[in-house]
Structures are given as structure tokens and as C-alpha cells.
N, C-alpha and C. Protein backbone atom coordinates (compact mmCIF):
# COMPACT_ATOMS: atom_id res chain seq x y z
N MET A 1 139.21 92.15 106.55
CA MET A 1 137.80 92.41 106.36
C MET A 1 137.31 93.34 107.46
N ARG A 2 136.55 94.36 107.14
CA ARG A 2 136.02 95.34 108.07
C ARG A 2 134.61 94.93 108.47
N ARG A 3 134.25 95.08 109.74
CA ARG A 3 132.91 94.75 110.22
C ARG A 3 132.13 96.03 110.45
N SER A 4 130.88 96.03 110.05
CA SER A 4 130.02 97.17 110.33
C SER A 4 128.64 96.64 110.64
N GLY A 5 127.78 97.47 111.20
CA GLY A 5 126.46 97.00 111.57
C GLY A 5 125.40 98.04 111.31
N LEU A 6 124.15 97.61 111.29
CA LEU A 6 123.01 98.47 111.03
C LEU A 6 121.89 97.99 111.92
N LEU A 7 121.22 98.87 112.63
CA LEU A 7 120.12 98.50 113.50
C LEU A 7 118.82 98.61 112.73
N LEU A 8 118.01 97.56 112.80
CA LEU A 8 116.75 97.53 112.08
C LEU A 8 115.58 97.67 113.04
N ALA A 9 114.54 98.39 112.60
CA ALA A 9 113.31 98.45 113.38
C ALA A 9 112.51 97.18 113.11
N VAL A 10 112.01 96.57 114.16
CA VAL A 10 111.24 95.34 114.04
C VAL A 10 109.96 95.56 114.84
N THR A 11 108.85 95.05 114.33
CA THR A 11 107.59 95.19 115.04
C THR A 11 107.69 94.59 116.43
N GLY A 12 107.51 95.41 117.45
CA GLY A 12 107.52 94.94 118.83
C GLY A 12 108.90 94.84 119.46
N MET A 13 109.97 94.99 118.69
CA MET A 13 111.31 94.92 119.25
C MET A 13 112.31 95.42 118.24
N LEU A 14 113.56 95.47 118.60
CA LEU A 14 114.62 95.82 117.67
C LEU A 14 115.41 94.58 117.34
N CYS A 15 115.80 94.46 116.10
CA CYS A 15 116.59 93.32 115.64
C CYS A 15 117.84 93.90 115.01
N ALA A 16 118.98 93.37 115.34
CA ALA A 16 120.23 93.88 114.78
C ALA A 16 120.50 93.21 113.46
N LEU A 17 120.91 93.98 112.51
CA LEU A 17 121.31 93.48 111.21
C LEU A 17 122.79 93.78 111.09
N ALA A 18 123.58 92.74 111.00
CA ALA A 18 125.02 92.95 110.88
C ALA A 18 125.45 92.48 109.51
N TYR A 19 126.34 93.21 108.91
CA TYR A 19 126.84 92.75 107.63
C TYR A 19 128.32 93.05 107.53
N SER A 20 128.98 92.21 106.76
CA SER A 20 130.42 92.34 106.57
C SER A 20 130.68 93.07 105.28
N ALA A 21 131.65 93.92 105.31
CA ALA A 21 132.02 94.65 104.11
C ALA A 21 133.39 94.16 103.67
N ALA A 22 133.47 93.67 102.48
CA ALA A 22 134.75 93.22 101.95
C ALA A 22 135.31 94.28 101.03
N ALA A 23 136.61 94.26 100.82
CA ALA A 23 137.26 95.27 99.99
C ALA A 23 136.81 95.19 98.54
N GLU A 24 136.52 93.98 98.07
CA GLU A 24 136.12 93.83 96.67
C GLU A 24 134.61 94.00 96.52
N ALA A 25 134.17 94.25 95.31
CA ALA A 25 132.75 94.43 95.03
C ALA A 25 132.03 93.08 95.09
N ALA A 26 130.71 93.15 95.27
CA ALA A 26 129.91 91.93 95.30
C ALA A 26 130.00 91.22 93.96
N PRO A 27 129.94 89.89 93.98
CA PRO A 27 129.97 89.16 92.72
C PRO A 27 128.76 89.55 91.88
N LYS A 28 128.96 89.68 90.60
CA LYS A 28 127.86 90.07 89.71
C LYS A 28 127.19 88.84 89.12
N ALA A 29 125.89 88.92 88.99
CA ALA A 29 125.11 87.89 88.33
C ALA A 29 124.76 88.42 86.94
N LYS A 30 124.01 87.64 86.17
CA LYS A 30 123.61 88.06 84.83
C LYS A 30 122.83 89.37 84.87
N GLY A 31 123.00 90.19 83.84
CA GLY A 31 122.21 91.40 83.67
C GLY A 31 122.50 92.50 84.68
N GLY A 32 123.68 92.51 85.29
CA GLY A 32 124.02 93.55 86.25
C GLY A 32 123.51 93.29 87.64
N ALA A 33 122.74 92.21 87.86
CA ALA A 33 122.25 91.89 89.19
C ALA A 33 123.42 91.53 90.09
N LEU A 34 123.22 91.67 91.39
CA LEU A 34 124.28 91.41 92.36
C LEU A 34 123.92 90.24 93.26
N LYS A 35 124.92 89.51 93.70
CA LYS A 35 124.70 88.38 94.60
C LYS A 35 125.05 88.79 96.02
N ILE A 36 124.21 88.36 96.96
CA ILE A 36 124.43 88.65 98.37
C ILE A 36 124.14 87.39 99.18
N THR A 37 125.02 87.11 100.15
CA THR A 37 124.83 85.96 101.02
C THR A 37 124.07 86.42 102.26
N VAL A 38 122.93 85.77 102.52
CA VAL A 38 122.10 86.09 103.68
C VAL A 38 122.19 84.92 104.66
N THR A 39 122.49 85.24 105.94
CA THR A 39 122.57 84.23 106.99
C THR A 39 121.54 84.56 108.06
N ASN A 40 120.76 83.57 108.45
CA ASN A 40 119.73 83.73 109.49
C ASN A 40 120.28 83.20 110.81
N LYS A 41 120.60 84.11 111.74
CA LYS A 41 121.09 83.70 113.05
C LYS A 41 120.03 83.89 114.14
N ARG A 42 118.78 84.06 113.72
CA ARG A 42 117.67 84.09 114.69
C ARG A 42 117.19 82.66 114.91
N SER A 43 116.32 82.48 115.91
CA SER A 43 115.82 81.14 116.23
C SER A 43 114.56 80.78 115.45
N VAL A 44 114.11 81.66 114.54
CA VAL A 44 112.94 81.38 113.70
C VAL A 44 113.30 81.64 112.24
N ALA A 45 112.53 81.03 111.35
CA ALA A 45 112.78 81.14 109.91
C ALA A 45 112.43 82.53 109.38
N ILE A 46 113.17 82.95 108.36
CA ILE A 46 112.83 84.16 107.60
C ILE A 46 111.89 83.71 106.49
N THR A 47 110.70 84.29 106.43
CA THR A 47 109.73 83.85 105.42
C THR A 47 109.74 84.71 104.16
N SER A 48 110.18 85.96 104.27
CA SER A 48 110.27 86.81 103.08
C SER A 48 111.41 87.80 103.25
N LEU A 49 112.04 88.14 102.12
CA LEU A 49 113.12 89.10 102.13
C LEU A 49 113.21 89.73 100.75
N GLY A 50 113.17 91.05 100.71
CA GLY A 50 113.24 91.77 99.44
C GLY A 50 114.16 92.97 99.54
N PHE A 51 114.70 93.38 98.41
CA PHE A 51 115.58 94.54 98.31
C PHE A 51 114.94 95.49 97.31
N LEU A 52 114.78 96.77 97.69
CA LEU A 52 114.19 97.74 96.78
C LEU A 52 114.96 99.05 96.86
N PRO A 53 114.90 99.86 95.80
CA PRO A 53 115.61 101.14 95.80
C PRO A 53 115.18 101.99 97.00
N PRO A 54 116.09 102.77 97.59
CA PRO A 54 115.76 103.59 98.76
C PRO A 54 114.54 104.47 98.52
N GLY A 55 113.65 104.48 99.51
CA GLY A 55 112.46 105.32 99.45
C GLY A 55 111.30 104.75 98.66
N ALA A 56 111.50 103.64 97.95
CA ALA A 56 110.42 103.04 97.17
C ALA A 56 109.42 102.38 98.11
N ASP A 57 108.13 102.56 97.82
CA ASP A 57 107.08 101.95 98.64
C ASP A 57 106.76 100.54 98.18
N THR A 58 106.98 100.27 96.90
CA THR A 58 106.66 98.96 96.36
C THR A 58 107.84 98.44 95.56
N GLY A 59 107.71 97.23 95.12
CA GLY A 59 108.80 96.57 94.40
C GLY A 59 109.50 95.64 95.36
N GLY A 60 110.70 95.24 95.05
CA GLY A 60 111.46 94.39 95.95
C GLY A 60 110.73 93.13 96.33
N SER A 61 110.30 92.37 95.36
CA SER A 61 109.56 91.15 95.64
C SER A 61 110.39 90.18 96.49
N ASN A 62 109.71 89.25 97.12
CA ASN A 62 110.35 88.26 97.97
C ASN A 62 111.34 87.43 97.15
N LEU A 63 112.60 87.45 97.53
CA LEU A 63 113.63 86.70 96.81
C LEU A 63 113.81 85.28 97.33
N LEU A 64 113.14 84.95 98.44
CA LEU A 64 113.25 83.60 99.00
C LEU A 64 112.23 82.67 98.34
N LYS A 65 112.69 81.55 97.84
CA LYS A 65 111.78 80.56 97.24
C LYS A 65 111.10 79.74 98.32
N LYS A 66 111.77 79.61 99.49
CA LYS A 66 111.20 78.94 100.65
C LYS A 66 111.80 79.61 101.88
N PRO A 67 111.17 79.45 103.04
CA PRO A 67 111.70 80.09 104.25
C PRO A 67 113.15 79.69 104.51
N LEU A 68 113.92 80.64 105.04
CA LEU A 68 115.31 80.40 105.38
C LEU A 68 115.36 80.02 106.86
N ALA A 69 115.68 78.76 107.13
CA ALA A 69 115.68 78.21 108.48
C ALA A 69 116.75 78.85 109.36
N PRO A 70 116.55 78.80 110.67
CA PRO A 70 117.56 79.32 111.60
C PRO A 70 118.91 78.64 111.36
N GLY A 71 119.98 79.44 111.41
CA GLY A 71 121.33 78.90 111.24
C GLY A 71 121.75 78.63 109.81
N LYS A 72 120.87 78.85 108.86
CA LYS A 72 121.16 78.58 107.45
C LYS A 72 121.54 79.85 106.70
N SER A 73 122.21 79.67 105.57
CA SER A 73 122.59 80.77 104.68
C SER A 73 122.13 80.46 103.27
N ILE A 74 121.97 81.52 102.49
CA ILE A 74 121.58 81.37 101.09
C ILE A 74 122.21 82.52 100.30
N VAL A 75 122.53 82.27 99.04
CA VAL A 75 123.01 83.33 98.16
C VAL A 75 121.82 83.77 97.32
N LEU A 76 121.48 85.05 97.42
CA LEU A 76 120.36 85.62 96.66
C LEU A 76 120.89 86.51 95.55
N THR A 77 120.17 86.55 94.44
CA THR A 77 120.49 87.45 93.35
C THR A 77 119.56 88.65 93.43
N VAL A 78 120.14 89.81 93.67
CA VAL A 78 119.38 91.05 93.80
C VAL A 78 119.35 91.75 92.43
N PRO A 79 118.17 91.89 91.83
CA PRO A 79 118.08 92.58 90.55
C PRO A 79 118.53 94.04 90.71
N ALA A 80 119.40 94.49 89.83
CA ALA A 80 119.90 95.87 89.91
C ALA A 80 120.17 96.41 88.52
N LYS A 81 119.90 97.69 88.36
CA LYS A 81 120.28 98.37 87.12
C LYS A 81 121.75 98.71 87.21
N LYS A 82 122.36 98.96 86.09
CA LYS A 82 123.78 99.31 86.06
C LYS A 82 124.04 100.50 86.98
N GLY A 83 125.01 100.34 87.87
CA GLY A 83 125.38 101.41 88.79
C GLY A 83 124.50 101.52 90.03
N GLU A 84 123.43 100.74 90.11
CA GLU A 84 122.54 100.79 91.26
C GLU A 84 123.14 99.93 92.38
N CYS A 85 123.37 100.53 93.54
CA CYS A 85 124.01 99.82 94.64
C CYS A 85 123.24 99.88 95.95
N LEU A 86 122.55 100.99 96.22
CA LEU A 86 121.86 101.17 97.49
C LEU A 86 120.46 100.57 97.45
N PHE A 87 120.13 99.80 98.50
CA PHE A 87 118.83 99.16 98.58
C PHE A 87 118.29 99.22 100.00
N ASP A 88 116.98 99.37 100.12
CA ASP A 88 116.29 99.20 101.40
C ASP A 88 115.94 97.72 101.49
N ILE A 89 115.86 97.21 102.70
CA ILE A 89 115.60 95.80 102.93
C ILE A 89 114.27 95.67 103.66
N LEU A 90 113.40 94.81 103.16
CA LEU A 90 112.12 94.53 103.80
C LEU A 90 111.93 93.03 103.87
N GLY A 91 111.38 92.57 104.97
CA GLY A 91 111.13 91.14 105.09
C GLY A 91 110.35 90.82 106.35
N SER A 92 110.19 89.52 106.58
CA SER A 92 109.47 89.10 107.78
C SER A 92 109.95 87.72 108.21
N TYR A 93 109.69 87.44 109.48
CA TYR A 93 110.03 86.16 110.08
C TYR A 93 108.77 85.35 110.32
N GLU A 94 108.96 84.07 110.57
CA GLU A 94 107.86 83.15 110.85
C GLU A 94 107.05 83.59 112.08
N ASP A 95 107.70 84.27 113.04
CA ASP A 95 106.99 84.73 114.24
C ASP A 95 106.33 86.10 114.03
N GLU A 96 106.23 86.53 112.79
CA GLU A 96 105.54 87.74 112.34
C GLU A 96 106.29 89.04 112.63
N LEU A 97 107.52 88.97 113.11
CA LEU A 97 108.34 90.17 113.23
C LEU A 97 108.73 90.61 111.84
N GLU A 98 108.87 91.91 111.65
CA GLU A 98 109.22 92.44 110.34
C GLU A 98 110.64 92.99 110.33
N ILE A 99 111.30 92.85 109.20
CA ILE A 99 112.65 93.35 108.99
C ILE A 99 112.53 94.61 108.14
N SER A 100 113.25 95.65 108.53
CA SER A 100 113.35 96.83 107.67
C SER A 100 114.69 97.49 107.91
N GLY A 101 115.37 97.80 106.86
CA GLY A 101 116.66 98.47 106.94
C GLY A 101 116.81 99.36 105.73
N SER A 102 117.62 100.39 105.84
CA SER A 102 117.71 101.31 104.71
C SER A 102 119.15 101.51 104.24
N SER A 103 119.24 101.72 102.97
CA SER A 103 120.48 102.10 102.27
C SER A 103 121.66 101.15 102.47
N MET A 104 121.42 99.86 102.30
CA MET A 104 122.52 98.90 102.29
C MET A 104 123.21 98.99 100.94
N ASP A 105 124.52 99.14 100.95
CA ASP A 105 125.29 99.20 99.70
C ASP A 105 125.64 97.77 99.28
N VAL A 106 124.81 97.21 98.42
CA VAL A 106 124.97 95.83 97.98
C VAL A 106 126.21 95.65 97.11
N CYS A 107 126.69 96.71 96.47
CA CYS A 107 127.91 96.61 95.68
C CYS A 107 129.13 96.40 96.58
N LYS A 108 129.06 96.95 97.77
CA LYS A 108 130.18 96.90 98.70
C LYS A 108 130.01 95.83 99.77
N ASP A 109 128.83 95.77 100.36
CA ASP A 109 128.54 94.86 101.46
C ASP A 109 127.70 93.70 100.95
N HIS A 110 128.34 92.60 100.64
CA HIS A 110 127.60 91.50 100.02
C HIS A 110 127.33 90.32 100.96
N GLN A 111 127.41 90.58 102.26
CA GLN A 111 127.03 89.58 103.25
C GLN A 111 126.08 90.24 104.25
N LEU A 112 124.97 89.60 104.49
CA LEU A 112 123.94 90.11 105.39
C LEU A 112 123.65 89.03 106.42
N THR A 113 123.86 89.35 107.70
CA THR A 113 123.61 88.41 108.77
C THR A 113 122.51 89.00 109.66
N LEU A 114 121.41 88.26 109.81
CA LEU A 114 120.28 88.73 110.60
C LEU A 114 120.33 88.05 111.97
N VAL A 115 120.33 88.86 113.03
CA VAL A 115 120.46 88.36 114.40
C VAL A 115 119.43 89.00 115.30
N ASP A 116 119.24 88.43 116.50
CA ASP A 116 118.37 89.03 117.53
C ASP A 116 119.04 90.24 118.11
């Protein structure tokens, strides 16, 4: 397994977003949607997390049904059209810091670990 990372801009500080890239494609859900495992390694809960096509200002609704507690993981289903793989990531934490990252290849990188 190959490790790669992406630095995210966060309000008031920088937060590292690390994700693992596996050789195989992300597991597919119904209707072409993709599954991604999100792990919260910060000391505060993630209250919202969305995936939207690169450059889109809107869309990417919150995929979390409840906040993701520190140290916990969840498998999310990312809605995707056939062949759509690149997504920008938007979200926020309980301490009001914001998550933003661009062009994550969800077809290839299906694990997302959020860290300080």
C-alpha cells in the first residue's frame, strides 16, 4: 500500500489530511456511488463532511448523519456519476475549524484520515 498526503487549509491553522491509496479501486455502492472510509484523528468531533465536484461552489451535502467522534471511523457513500472520481472536500469540526481539500481521487484513494 502506498501512502500519500494532502495539506488542507483550515480557518486559523493548517490541518493535515492524509489518505491511503490502495492498488484496487474504491468499493462501489449502488448507482455508481463510491464508498470511502473516513477516520477522525483530531481531538474534536467532525460535524459535517461533504464531497463535491472540483470547482463547484455548492452541492456536496453533509454525508454525516451525526458528528464523527475523535478516534472513530465511518464508511460514507459518496454520490458519483459514472466515471466521476475527483472531488473537493468541505467540512467542519466541533471547534469551528473548517476542512477544505481539492481533487481527491475517490476512485483510487478510498481512505481519508483527518489529523492535526
